[in-house]
Protein backbone atom coordinates (compact mmCIF):
# COMPACT_ATOMS: atom_id res chain seq x y z
CA UNK A 1 72.99 152.05 6.55
CA UNK A 2 74.49 149.29 8.82
CA UNK A 3 78.46 149.37 8.90
CA UNK A 4 81.10 147.13 9.99
CA UNK A 5 84.48 148.42 11.24
CA UNK A 6 87.05 145.31 11.50
CA UNK A 7 90.59 146.03 12.89
CA UNK A 8 93.48 143.54 12.33
CA UNK A 9 95.41 143.19 15.61
CA UNK A 10 98.07 140.98 17.44
CA UNK A 11 96.25 141.01 20.44
CA UNK A 12 92.76 141.89 21.76
CA UNK A 13 91.84 142.42 25.35
CA UNK A 14 88.31 143.39 26.71
CA UNK A 15 87.88 144.69 30.37
CA UNK A 16 84.76 145.47 32.47
CA UNK A 17 84.34 148.42 34.31
CA UNK A 18 86.04 146.85 37.39
CA UNK A 19 89.25 145.98 34.74
CA UNK A 20 88.58 142.28 34.89
CA UNK A 21 89.53 140.58 31.80
CA UNK A 22 86.36 139.66 30.18
CA UNK A 23 87.77 138.27 26.86
CA UNK A 24 91.09 137.82 25.04
CA UNK A 25 92.16 136.81 21.53
CA UNK A 26 95.37 136.75 19.52
CA UNK A 27 96.10 137.36 16.07
CA UNK A 28 92.41 138.11 15.05
CA UNK A 29 90.28 140.84 13.60
CA UNK A 30 88.14 143.02 15.87
CA UNK A 31 84.69 143.63 14.31
CA UNK A 32 82.60 146.34 15.57
CA UNK A 33 78.88 146.02 15.02
CA UNK A 34 76.81 149.15 14.82
CA UNK A 35 73.55 148.83 16.56
CA UNK A 36 71.36 150.15 13.83
CA UNK A 37 68.07 148.94 12.50
CA UNK A 38 69.17 145.98 10.57
CA UNK A 39 67.33 142.94 11.73
CA UNK A 40 66.57 142.38 7.85
CA UNK A 41 70.16 142.38 7.27
CA UNK A 42 71.80 139.63 9.48
CA UNK A 43 72.46 137.32 6.78
CA UNK A 44 74.31 140.17 5.18
CA UNK A 45 76.02 141.13 8.01
CA UNK A 46 77.18 137.32 8.54
CA UNK A 47 78.37 137.11 4.75
CA UNK A 48 80.08 140.24 5.08
CA UNK A 49 82.27 139.20 7.67
CA UNK A 50 83.01 135.61 6.34
CA UNK A 51 84.05 136.95 2.79
CA UNK A 52 86.30 139.43 4.12
CA UNK A 53 87.73 138.17 7.34
CA UNK A 54 89.52 134.82 6.85
CA UNK A 55 91.13 134.97 10.52
CA UNK A 56 89.97 134.54 14.15
CA UNK A 57 87.13 136.78 15.14
CA UNK A 58 86.31 139.09 18.05
CA UNK A 59 82.96 140.46 17.67
CA UNK A 60 82.25 143.82 19.72
CA UNK A 61 78.90 145.69 20.09
CA UNK A 62 79.19 149.58 19.60
CA UNK A 63 76.17 151.75 19.50
CA UNK A 64 78.60 154.77 18.96
CA UNK A 65 79.26 153.61 15.59
CA UNK A 66 75.91 154.70 14.77
CA UNK A 67 75.27 157.96 16.23
CA UNK A 68 74.36 160.96 14.42
CA UNK A 69 76.47 163.69 15.85
CA UNK A 70 74.90 167.13 16.17
CA UNK A 71 76.91 169.92 17.39
CA UNK A 72 78.31 168.19 20.35
CA UNK A 73 75.34 165.64 21.33
CA UNK A 74 75.00 162.26 19.37
CA UNK A 75 71.82 161.13 18.40
CA UNK A 76 70.54 157.32 18.25
CA UNK A 77 66.89 157.74 16.84
CA UNK A 78 67.99 155.53 14.11
CA UNK A 79 69.20 152.64 16.23
CA UNK A 80 67.55 149.69 16.86
CA UNK A 81 65.63 148.74 19.93
CA UNK A 82 68.26 147.26 22.39
CA UNK A 83 66.00 143.98 23.04
CA UNK A 84 66.19 143.28 19.25
CA UNK A 85 70.25 144.35 18.94
CA UNK A 86 71.10 142.05 21.87
CA UNK A 87 69.36 139.18 19.73
CA UNK A 88 70.95 140.11 16.55
CA UNK A 89 74.14 140.22 18.27
CA UNK A 90 73.83 136.71 19.64
CA UNK A 91 72.33 135.48 16.09
CA UNK A 92 75.69 136.78 14.71
CA UNK A 93 77.87 135.67 16.92
CA UNK A 94 76.46 132.25 17.26
CA UNK A 95 76.14 131.60 13.27
CA UNK A 96 79.62 132.91 12.98
CA UNK A 97 80.67 130.40 15.36
CA UNK A 98 78.78 127.49 14.09
CA UNK A 99 79.63 128.42 10.07
CA UNK A 100 83.54 128.81 11.03
CA UNK A 101 84.43 125.83 13.30
CA UNK A 102 88.29 126.28 12.19
CA UNK A 103 87.97 129.80 13.47
CA UNK A 104 88.12 131.23 17.15
CA UNK A 105 84.92 133.34 17.70
CA UNK A 106 84.70 135.40 20.64
CA UNK A 107 82.75 138.38 21.91
CA UNK A 108 82.50 141.27 24.08
CA UNK A 109 79.62 141.53 26.60
CA UNK A 110 76.51 143.48 25.04
CA UNK A 111 75.77 147.04 26.14
CA UNK A 112 78.13 146.92 28.97
CA UNK A 113 80.83 149.34 29.61
CA UNK A 114 83.98 148.10 28.00
CA UNK A 115 87.61 148.90 27.60
CA UNK A 116 88.99 147.22 24.50
CA UNK A 117 93.04 147.29 24.53
CA UNK A 118 94.41 146.47 20.99
CA UNK A 119 98.16 145.51 20.50
CA UNK A 120 99.80 146.05 16.98
CA UNK A 121 96.79 146.95 14.82
CA UNK A 122 98.01 146.42 11.37
CA UNK A 123 95.12 148.03 9.51
CA UNK A 124 91.28 149.20 9.76
CA UNK A 125 88.88 148.15 7.38
CA UNK A 126 85.47 150.02 7.06
CA UNK A 127 82.26 148.09 5.23
CA UNK A 128 79.07 149.30 4.70
CA UNK A 129 75.88 147.38 3.06
């Protein structure tokens, strides 16, 4: 089942593997999208985000949220194909920006190592559909 995790924060900074700043946003919700097979649920994902998070958005792709853990090895057999996931991530980001002109919408890089530093995490929300 696809899921979204949102963390309300005072500040979010995303760094690449060389510790260069990729993106930053204040007073936002950081939304972590799992890369499950949810191609048919893009509209549901966007609606879920818009209905539950009325604040600036930092969108992050997060394959580890969909891992099924067996002993100490994660399994990603139910994860979506990487090319489809990349396109879905782009579509969700573009539509959130278009549908919400009064909000700042930023994103992480897709399928790259990234370090996310959060300041003052107010609360974490888990949503499934």
